[in-house]
């Protein structure tokens, strides 16, 4: 992920890619050679030269690296999840407050064009369904699938629900290691919204879909294809009721003549072609330069970690 961040920073005219540091010197040198800047031998050597950094190290190192950067007054974009547990997440958030620097969390799905188009609808969800499955990437095997993959959807669900989760039920299975590789969680929120979230990193295909149901509309989003549709109550209810009345009167003799898809007005979401990582890093840089709150704050990242930990604990109770 750090290499991807370097690529995008090198393309942004409002910033200068000073350099990179990696525990693997060969990796740092290759990235610097391709995208510019220096390959710093240590973080201490790099920090005096930068105003902001992306932290894309293994999750267990996030807190230590972030604190080291923030003590030097450097703003941080910390890749998801914010931390491996709640205590370390709080350390990062509190360190950012003390230092007065920007802390943004790399929940990149917030910047998925389809998700951004959906949030413009300002729905009040009653039910949310998410599925995120893919083959194993071996990129974040130091944490389970909840902190590795489901964390994206936890963040979005919390944002959409806009209410604290009062009840969490979950079941999960560990197949190849010490952490869960498959998990399904059901979250009930104080405002009555319910979310059903499934994640697996052992699937044979990749599927990432989000469905949101409200009293006024239904939205379906495909994260991977960056595509979405909305079906609104207004404009559809009367036509469906009319068909139901025709059926009751016996005007419709053959039900096969009816095609539900033809009865419903489906609108495609207006979606931009902006690369999510570019949108995320531009948002981070803007927050740093203009000293404004980031779109995905440290507090947002901490809330996602807190919920993820509750899900993992619920999985553990189910296994007893």
Protein backbone atom coordinates (compact mmCIF):
# COMPACT_ATOMS: atom_id res chain seq x y z
CA UNK A 1 0.00 0.00 0.00
CA UNK A 2 2.86 2.38 0.72
CA UNK A 3 4.10 2.01 -2.84
CA UNK A 4 0.62 2.86 -4.14
CA UNK A 5 0.54 5.97 -1.94
CA UNK A 6 3.93 7.03 -3.30
CA UNK A 7 2.65 6.68 -6.86
CA UNK A 8 -0.35 8.92 -6.23
CA UNK A 9 1.60 11.54 -4.25
CA UNK A 10 4.09 11.77 -7.12
CA UNK A 11 1.20 12.69 -9.45
CA UNK A 12 -0.29 15.42 -7.22
CA UNK A 13 0.83 18.95 -8.19
CA UNK A 14 0.02 20.42 -4.76
CA UNK A 15 2.55 18.25 -2.91
CA UNK A 16 6.17 17.17 -3.23
CA UNK A 17 7.04 13.56 -2.58
CA UNK A 18 10.11 13.98 -0.36
CA UNK A 19 10.83 10.30 -0.05
CA UNK A 20 10.00 6.94 1.47
CA UNK A 21 11.20 4.74 4.28
CA UNK A 22 10.73 0.99 4.39
CA UNK A 23 12.11 -1.70 6.68
CA UNK A 24 13.27 -3.34 3.45
CA UNK A 25 15.91 -0.98 1.96
CA UNK A 26 15.60 -2.55 -1.49
CA UNK A 27 11.86 -1.87 -1.51
CA UNK A 28 12.41 1.75 -0.47
CA UNK A 29 15.07 2.25 -3.14
CA UNK A 30 12.89 0.76 -5.87
CA UNK A 31 9.92 2.92 -4.91
CA UNK A 32 12.01 6.09 -4.72
CA UNK A 33 13.64 5.34 -8.06
CA UNK A 34 10.26 4.87 -9.72
CA UNK A 35 8.33 7.74 -8.15
CA UNK A 36 10.96 10.21 -6.97
CA UNK A 37 12.30 11.41 -3.65
CA UNK A 38 14.88 9.79 -1.39
CA UNK A 39 14.99 6.35 0.11
CA UNK A 40 15.56 7.24 3.76
CA UNK A 41 17.46 4.75 5.89
CA UNK A 42 15.33 5.51 8.95
CA UNK A 43 12.15 7.25 9.97
CA UNK A 44 14.18 9.60 12.20
CA UNK A 45 16.17 10.70 9.17
CA UNK A 46 13.05 11.42 7.12
CA UNK A 47 10.82 13.27 9.63
CA UNK A 48 12.66 16.64 9.70
CA UNK A 49 12.02 16.99 5.95
CA UNK A 50 8.24 16.33 5.78
CA UNK A 51 4.94 17.91 6.85
CA UNK A 52 2.77 14.82 6.35
CA UNK A 53 3.17 11.07 5.89
CA UNK A 54 1.19 7.99 4.97
CA UNK A 55 1.73 5.16 7.43
CA UNK A 56 1.33 1.84 5.65
CA UNK A 57 3.18 -0.51 7.98
CA UNK A 58 1.74 -3.69 9.54
CA UNK A 59 -1.12 -2.85 11.90
CA UNK A 60 0.76 -3.80 15.06
CA UNK A 61 3.27 -0.98 14.41
CA UNK A 62 0.73 1.79 13.71
CA UNK A 63 0.71 3.31 17.20
CA UNK A 64 4.47 3.46 17.65
CA UNK A 65 5.13 4.89 14.19
CA UNK A 66 2.27 7.39 14.38
CA UNK A 67 3.37 8.68 17.79
CA UNK A 68 6.93 9.10 16.56
CA UNK A 69 5.70 11.16 13.60
CA UNK A 70 3.25 13.27 15.58
CA UNK A 71 5.83 14.16 18.23
CA UNK A 72 7.71 15.88 15.39
CA UNK A 73 4.56 17.77 14.33
CA UNK A 74 3.97 15.61 11.26
CA UNK A 75 0.37 14.93 10.17
CA UNK A 76 -0.50 11.29 9.52
CA UNK A 77 -2.73 9.27 7.25
CA UNK A 78 -2.82 5.89 8.98
CA UNK A 79 -3.86 2.95 6.82
CA UNK A 80 -6.86 0.96 8.02
CA UNK A 81 -7.41 -0.36 10.57
CA UNK A 82 -6.31 2.53 12.78
CA UNK A 83 -4.80 0.09 15.29
CA UNK A 84 -4.77 -3.55 16.32
CA UNK A 85 -6.91 -2.84 19.40
CA UNK A 86 -8.86 -0.08 21.14
CA UNK A 87 -6.07 0.92 23.53
CA UNK A 88 -3.59 1.57 20.74
CA UNK A 89 -6.27 3.35 18.70
CA UNK A 90 -6.84 5.72 21.61
CA UNK A 91 -3.09 6.29 21.87
CA UNK A 92 -3.02 7.49 18.27
CA UNK A 93 -6.07 9.74 18.61
CA UNK A 94 -4.79 11.30 21.85
CA UNK A 95 -1.29 11.79 20.43
CA UNK A 96 -2.81 13.64 17.48
CA UNK A 97 -4.75 15.92 19.80
CA UNK A 98 -1.68 16.70 21.90
CA UNK A 99 0.42 17.46 18.84
CA UNK A 100 -2.33 19.45 17.09
CA UNK A 101 -1.78 17.61 13.81
CA UNK A 102 -4.16 16.04 11.29
CA UNK A 103 -4.92 12.35 11.75
CA UNK A 104 -6.84 10.67 8.95
CA UNK A 105 -7.58 6.95 8.65
CA UNK A 106 -7.28 5.10 5.34
CA UNK A 107 -10.84 3.85 5.01
CA UNK A 108 -10.62 4.09 1.25
CA UNK A 109 -14.16 2.84 0.55
CA UNK A 110 -15.44 6.19 1.85
CA UNK A 111 -13.89 7.59 -1.33
CA UNK A 112 -15.30 4.95 -3.67
CA UNK A 113 -17.25 6.99 -6.26
CA UNK A 114 -20.30 4.74 -5.91
CA UNK A 115 -20.36 5.16 -2.13
CA UNK A 116 -19.94 8.92 -2.42
CA UNK A 117 -22.82 9.08 -4.89
CA UNK A 118 -25.00 7.07 -2.52
CA UNK A 119 -24.24 9.26 0.50
CA UNK A 120 -25.46 12.29 -1.44
CA UNK A 121 -28.95 10.75 -1.25
CA UNK A 122 -28.94 11.36 2.53
CA UNK A 123 -30.93 8.22 3.29
CA UNK A 124 -32.09 7.18 6.74
CA UNK A 125 -31.36 3.43 6.57
CA UNK A 126 -33.59 0.87 8.25
CA UNK A 127 -31.62 -2.16 7.02
CA UNK A 128 -28.11 -2.44 5.58
CA UNK A 129 -26.63 -5.54 3.97
CA UNK A 130 -22.97 -5.84 3.02
CA UNK A 131 -20.94 -8.67 1.54
CA UNK A 132 -17.17 -8.51 1.03
CA UNK A 133 -15.49 -11.74 -0.06
CA UNK A 134 -12.28 -12.43 -1.94
CA UNK A 135 -9.40 -14.90 -2.22
CA UNK A 136 -6.60 -14.62 0.33
CA UNK A 137 -4.15 -11.78 -0.50
CA UNK A 138 -1.72 -12.56 2.38
CA UNK A 139 -1.27 -8.78 2.80
CA UNK A 140 -2.72 -8.40 6.32
CA UNK A 141 -2.52 -11.84 7.89
CA UNK A 142 -1.41 -10.36 11.22
CA UNK A 143 -5.09 -9.61 11.89
CA UNK A 144 -8.34 -11.47 11.27
CA UNK A 145 -10.82 -10.84 8.47
CA UNK A 146 -12.80 -8.43 10.67
CA UNK A 147 -9.90 -5.99 11.07
CA UNK A 148 -8.50 -6.77 7.63
CA UNK A 149 -11.59 -6.58 5.38
CA UNK A 150 -14.82 -6.06 7.30
CA UNK A 151 -13.39 -2.91 8.88
CA UNK A 152 -14.12 -1.06 5.60
CA UNK A 153 -17.81 -1.90 5.85
CA UNK A 154 -17.97 -1.32 9.60
CA UNK A 155 -16.82 2.25 8.98
CA UNK A 156 -19.42 2.84 6.26
CA UNK A 157 -22.22 1.16 8.24
CA UNK A 158 -21.47 3.32 11.29
CA UNK A 159 -21.52 6.42 9.08
CA UNK A 160 -24.82 5.44 7.42
CA UNK A 161 -26.57 4.34 10.61
CA UNK A 162 -25.56 7.49 12.49
CA UNK A 163 -26.34 5.79 15.78
CA UNK A 164 -24.48 3.67 18.37
CA UNK A 165 -24.64 -0.11 18.04
CA UNK A 166 -26.57 -1.46 21.02
CA UNK A 167 -26.35 -5.17 20.15
CA UNK A 168 -23.84 -7.21 18.15
CA UNK A 169 -24.14 -10.87 17.22
CA UNK A 170 -21.48 -12.63 15.18
CA UNK A 171 -20.19 -16.00 14.07
CA UNK A 172 -16.80 -16.66 12.52
CA UNK A 173 -14.42 -19.44 11.53
CA UNK A 174 -10.63 -19.65 11.57
CA UNK A 175 -9.34 -21.91 8.81
CA UNK A 176 -5.66 -21.26 8.14
CA UNK A 177 -4.35 -19.42 11.20
CA UNK A 178 -5.02 -17.99 14.64
CA UNK A 179 -7.53 -15.37 13.45
CA UNK A 180 -11.00 -15.62 11.93
CA UNK A 181 -11.01 -15.89 8.12
CA UNK A 182 -14.79 -15.80 7.64
CA UNK A 183 -17.28 -13.76 9.67
CA UNK A 184 -20.91 -12.73 9.64
CA UNK A 185 -22.10 -10.03 12.02
CA UNK A 186 -25.51 -8.57 12.78
CA UNK A 187 -25.51 -5.08 14.30
CA UNK A 188 -28.58 -3.47 15.88
CA UNK A 189 -28.44 0.27 16.40
CA UNK A 190 -30.17 2.51 18.94
CA UNK A 191 -32.29 4.14 16.23
CA UNK A 192 -33.64 0.76 15.09
CA UNK A 193 -31.42 0.31 12.05
CA UNK A 194 -30.08 -3.21 11.53
CA UNK A 195 -26.97 -4.17 9.53
CA UNK A 196 -25.95 -7.62 8.33
CA UNK A 197 -22.26 -7.72 7.34
CA UNK A 198 -20.36 -10.68 5.85
CA UNK A 199 -16.64 -10.92 5.11
CA UNK A 200 -14.46 -13.77 3.88
CA UNK A 201 -10.89 -13.91 2.61
CA UNK A 202 -11.14 -17.53 1.52
CA UNK A 203 -13.60 -17.16 -1.34
CA UNK A 204 -12.87 -18.26 -4.90
CA UNK A 205 -14.18 -15.00 -6.33
CA UNK A 206 -14.22 -11.32 -5.38
CA UNK A 207 -17.54 -9.71 -4.53
CA UNK A 208 -18.08 -6.42 -2.71
CA UNK A 209 -21.65 -5.21 -2.53
CA UNK A 210 -23.68 -2.88 -0.33
CA UNK A 211 -27.47 -2.65 -0.15
CA UNK A 212 -29.30 0.01 1.83
CA UNK A 213 -33.03 -0.01 2.54
CA UNK A 214 -34.95 3.00 3.84
CA UNK A 215 -38.62 3.94 3.97
CA UNK A 216 -38.20 6.05 0.86
CA UNK A 217 -35.65 4.22 -1.27
CA UNK A 218 -33.51 1.17 -1.92
CA UNK A 219 -29.91 1.51 -3.10
CA UNK A 220 -27.58 -1.19 -4.38
CA UNK A 221 -23.85 -0.46 -4.78
CA UNK A 222 -21.13 -2.61 -6.29
CA UNK A 223 -17.86 -1.44 -4.73
CA UNK A 224 -15.73 -3.33 -7.20
CA UNK A 225 -17.49 -2.14 -10.37
CA UNK A 226 -18.08 1.32 -8.87
CA UNK A 227 -21.68 1.13 -9.96
CA UNK A 228 -24.96 1.68 -8.19
CA UNK A 229 -28.72 1.98 -8.66
CA UNK A 230 -31.53 3.52 -6.64
CA UNK A 231 -35.22 2.63 -6.57
CA UNK A 232 -37.35 5.33 -4.99
CA UNK A 233 -40.71 4.92 -3.31
CA UNK A 234 -41.95 8.04 -5.07
CA UNK A 235 -42.88 7.20 -8.65
CA UNK A 236 -43.02 3.45 -8.07
CA UNK A 237 -45.58 2.88 -5.33
CA UNK A 238 -48.64 3.94 -7.33
CA UNK A 239 -47.76 1.82 -10.39
CA UNK A 240 -47.14 -1.29 -8.26
CA UNK A 241 -50.40 -0.78 -6.36
CA UNK A 242 -52.24 -0.40 -9.68
CA UNK A 243 -50.89 -3.74 -10.89
CA UNK A 244 -51.85 -5.36 -7.57
CA UNK A 245 -55.40 -4.03 -7.99
CA UNK A 246 -55.56 -5.43 -11.54
CA UNK A 247 -54.53 -8.84 -10.26
CA UNK A 248 -57.20 -8.75 -7.52
CA UNK A 249 -59.85 -7.78 -10.09
CA UNK A 250 -58.81 -10.64 -12.32
CA UNK A 251 -57.71 -8.37 -15.14
CA UNK A 252 -54.39 -10.20 -15.28
CA UNK A 253 -55.00 -13.77 -16.38
CA UNK A 254 -51.43 -14.93 -16.87
CA UNK A 255 -48.92 -13.86 -14.19
CA UNK A 256 -46.06 -14.67 -16.55
CA UNK A 257 -47.10 -11.59 -18.53
CA UNK A 258 -45.83 -9.41 -15.68
CA UNK A 259 -42.17 -8.48 -15.46
CA UNK A 260 -41.45 -6.83 -12.12
CA UNK A 261 -38.39 -5.10 -13.56
CA UNK A 262 -40.61 -3.37 -16.12
CA UNK A 263 -42.87 -2.04 -13.37
CA UNK A 264 -40.14 -0.36 -11.37
CA UNK A 265 -38.25 2.81 -12.26
CA UNK A 266 -34.57 2.18 -11.60
CA UNK A 267 -32.10 5.08 -11.63
CA UNK A 268 -28.37 4.66 -12.06
CA UNK A 269 -26.30 6.65 -9.60
CA UNK A 270 -24.22 9.43 -11.13
CA UNK A 271 -20.71 8.22 -10.45
CA UNK A 272 -17.40 9.96 -11.17
CA UNK A 273 -14.34 8.17 -12.49
CA UNK A 274 -12.00 9.49 -9.77
CA UNK A 275 -9.55 6.93 -8.39
CA UNK A 276 -10.49 6.32 -4.72
CA UNK A 277 -6.87 6.49 -3.52
CA UNK A 278 -6.35 9.80 -5.33
CA UNK A 279 -9.55 11.20 -3.78
CA UNK A 280 -8.44 9.99 -0.34
CA UNK A 281 -4.97 11.51 -0.52
CA UNK A 282 -6.29 14.79 -1.94
CA UNK A 283 -8.73 14.94 0.97
CA UNK A 284 -5.89 14.30 3.43
CA UNK A 285 -3.59 16.91 1.89
CA UNK A 286 -6.43 19.46 1.84
CA UNK A 287 -7.14 18.84 5.52
CA UNK A 288 -3.47 19.35 6.38
CA UNK A 289 -3.00 22.45 4.22
CA UNK A 290 -6.25 24.13 5.29
CA UNK A 291 -6.16 22.93 8.90
CA UNK A 292 -9.68 21.53 8.67
CA UNK A 293 -11.13 18.25 10.03
CA UNK A 294 -10.38 15.25 7.79
CA UNK A 295 -13.21 13.36 6.12
CA UNK A 296 -12.28 10.19 7.99
CA UNK A 297 -10.99 11.31 11.37
CA UNK A 298 -8.99 9.42 13.96
CA UNK A 299 -12.18 9.25 16.01
CA UNK A 300 -13.96 7.59 13.06
CA UNK A 301 -11.16 5.06 12.80
CA UNK A 302 -11.30 4.42 16.53
CA UNK A 303 -15.08 3.87 16.40
CA UNK A 304 -14.56 1.29 13.65
CA UNK A 305 -11.88 -0.51 15.69
CA UNK A 306 -14.09 -0.50 18.80
CA UNK A 307 -16.95 -2.05 16.82
CA UNK A 308 -14.63 -4.56 15.15
CA UNK A 309 -13.31 -5.66 18.55
CA UNK A 310 -16.89 -6.15 19.78
CA UNK A 311 -17.58 -8.31 16.71
CA UNK A 312 -14.47 -10.44 17.31
CA UNK A 313 -15.48 -10.83 20.97
CA UNK A 314 -18.95 -11.93 19.85
CA UNK A 315 -17.35 -14.50 17.55
CA UNK A 316 -15.35 -15.80 20.53
CA UNK A 317 -18.47 -16.17 22.66
CA UNK A 318 -20.23 -18.04 19.87
CA UNK A 319 -17.32 -20.49 19.71
CA UNK A 320 -17.57 -21.40 23.41
